[in-house]
Amino acid sequence: MHEMAICESILGILKEQARSQNFDSIKRVRLEIGPLSGVEIEALRFGFDVVTRGSLAEDAALEIVETQASAWCMPCGETVSIRQRYDPCPKCGSHQLQVTAGEELRIKELEVN
């Protein structure tokens, strides 16, 4: 389960930010996760609860914003929405798509004490 490692990395970032911005605890963490990121959201929620026990983020609410995936179609030159990798272009049916959004996993916002 790589989500546990992701949560450990997130906690590391939170600790680093606490040191550099001088705060003691975190109330809320908002993550932005794309459908092509390969992250299982429920596993991430579980991992976050486990990893943050006894830390500055122990009681933090975890909010997850799921983003949309999009790609640029080489033949028709359009930017289109996709649901998963290797979907055809909904305009021309081509499979020559270059993903432009949907792979993200980022800390979007923190609410701190």
Foldseek 3Di string as FASTA:
>chain_A
DCLLVVLLVVLVVVVVCCVVVVFQAFAEWEKEAFLAQPDDVVVNVVSNQVNCVPHRYNNHHYHYHYDWKWWAAPPVRDIATDNYQQAAGPPPRHSRTGIDDRNDIGGDDTHTD
